[in-house]
Amino acid sequence: MSLQIRRAVPDDIPAIEAVMRASMASLGANFYDQAQVASAVRYITVADRQLVDDGTYYVVVDKNRDTGRIVACGG
């Protein structure tokens, strides 16, 4: 796997939110019931656009995939 870390751009937001939802659904299941996880996935997993806009949010891109899929994020 070849990974690249780069600053997020506004066009990344849908992919960032998809990674956040997948993470919360997986990790949250260890601590919360199904209804709580569903609520968290719906309301908490929203990218902070200010961090993207100010250049302090990053994504990790899998460069082995043709699409350059975002596999991790944070800021």
Protein backbone atom coordinates (compact mmCIF):
# COMPACT_ATOMS: atom_id res chain seq x y z
CA MET A 1 0.00 0.00 0.00
CA SER A 2 1.37 3.40 -0.98
CA LEU A 3 -0.06 6.21 1.13
CA GLN A 4 0.14 9.96 0.70
CA ILE A 5 -0.73 12.57 3.34
CA ARG A 6 -1.94 15.89 2.00
CA ARG A 7 -4.05 18.86 3.02
CA ALA A 8 -7.73 18.36 2.47
CA VAL A 9 -9.58 20.47 -0.07
CA PRO A 10 -13.31 21.26 -0.18
CA ASP A 11 -13.87 18.61 -2.89
CA ASP A 12 -12.70 15.98 -0.36
CA ILE A 13 -15.53 16.67 2.09
CA PRO A 14 -17.93 13.94 0.86
CA ALA A 15 -15.14 11.34 1.08
CA ILE A 16 -14.03 12.65 4.49
CA GLU A 17 -17.57 12.30 5.80
CA ALA A 18 -17.82 8.77 4.36
CA VAL A 19 -14.62 7.78 6.21
CA MET A 20 -15.95 9.39 9.40
CA ARG A 21 -19.28 7.50 9.11
CA ALA A 22 -17.55 4.18 8.52
CA SER A 23 -15.23 4.76 11.48
CA MET A 24 -18.04 5.74 13.85
CA ALA A 25 -20.21 2.82 12.75
CA SER A 26 -17.38 0.37 13.34
CA LEU A 27 -15.77 1.77 16.50
CA GLY A 28 -18.98 3.05 18.06
CA ALA A 29 -20.54 -0.41 18.01
CA ASN A 30 -18.10 -1.39 20.76
CA PHE A 31 -19.45 1.25 23.15
CA TYR A 32 -22.99 2.23 22.12
CA ASP A 33 -26.20 0.49 21.17
CA GLN A 34 -27.39 0.42 17.58
CA ALA A 35 -29.70 3.45 17.92
CA GLN A 36 -26.94 5.56 19.48
CA VAL A 37 -24.50 4.61 16.73
CA ALA A 38 -27.06 5.48 14.05
CA SER A 39 -27.65 8.87 15.68
CA ALA A 40 -23.93 9.57 15.97
CA VAL A 41 -23.35 8.58 12.35
CA ARG A 42 -26.09 10.96 11.28
CA TYR A 43 -25.28 13.99 13.43
CA ILE A 44 -21.65 13.82 14.58
CA THR A 45 -19.85 12.69 11.44
CA VAL A 46 -19.77 16.04 9.70
CA ALA A 47 -16.50 17.46 8.42
CA ASP A 48 -15.39 20.74 9.99
CA ARG A 49 -15.27 22.93 6.91
CA GLN A 50 -13.33 25.65 8.73
CA LEU A 51 -10.43 23.24 9.26
CA VAL A 52 -10.51 22.29 5.59
CA ASP A 53 -10.65 25.95 4.54
CA ASP A 54 -7.81 27.04 6.82
CA GLY A 55 -5.55 24.17 5.71
CA THR A 56 -5.30 22.35 9.03
CA TYR A 57 -7.24 19.22 8.04
CA TYR A 58 -5.42 16.38 6.32
CA VAL A 59 -6.34 13.26 4.40
CA VAL A 60 -4.47 10.03 3.78
CA VAL A 61 -4.86 8.83 0.21
CA ASP A 62 -4.24 5.26 -0.94
CA LYS A 63 -2.17 5.85 -4.07
CA ASN A 64 -2.42 2.18 -5.15
CA ARG A 65 -6.04 2.62 -6.10
CA ASP A 66 -6.92 4.17 -9.43
CA THR A 67 -9.30 6.57 -7.71
CA GLY A 68 -6.87 7.80 -5.04
CA ARG A 69 -9.37 6.86 -2.34
CA ILE A 70 -9.20 8.67 1.01
CA VAL A 71 -8.63 6.08 3.71
CA ALA A 72 -8.05 8.30 6.78
CA CYS A 73 -8.43 11.90 7.84
CA GLY A 74 -7.93 14.28 10.72
CA GLY A 75 -7.01 17.76 11.78
